[in-house]
């Protein structure tokens, strides 16, 4: 069953790749000048869509599976991640009602960046190791469901590289 380990890594690899993409978009945003409002709007739109899809697949598939792990504190770790998603979703809603380039928008983008980076780090350090404690068959099943749901949410505009 060596193939199982490869597939199991794909769930966390997929999510880790998303994290890298978020950080890349946030870095691009930070490099833009105050006058590059249209580019800021475009990057925010991409970031919002990708964060929404990412949070959805985690909340629908990844977190429920990870809650199955019989390790002390696992439930609290996953619940903290869910709460962090709620904060990010609130920030995204608030940002959607503001104009890119405005002082309030820029301040909220900074807070969004801090929250996303913090959440990604904690997830990789705490949640991913819990997921890897699931039986390999369950990891494979979750990995497949994650990939399929991400493809569906992106309306076919996503390639997992497989």
Foldseek 3Di string as FASTA:
>chain_A
DVVLVVLLVLQVVLLLVLLVVLLVLLVVLVPDDLVPQVVNVVSLVVNLLSLVLSLVLCVVFVLVLLVPQPDPPSVVLSVVLNVLSVVLVVLSVVLVPDGGSDPVNVVSSVVNSVSSNVSSVSCVVPRSVSSVRDPSVSSNVSSVSSVVSSCVSVVNPDDSPD
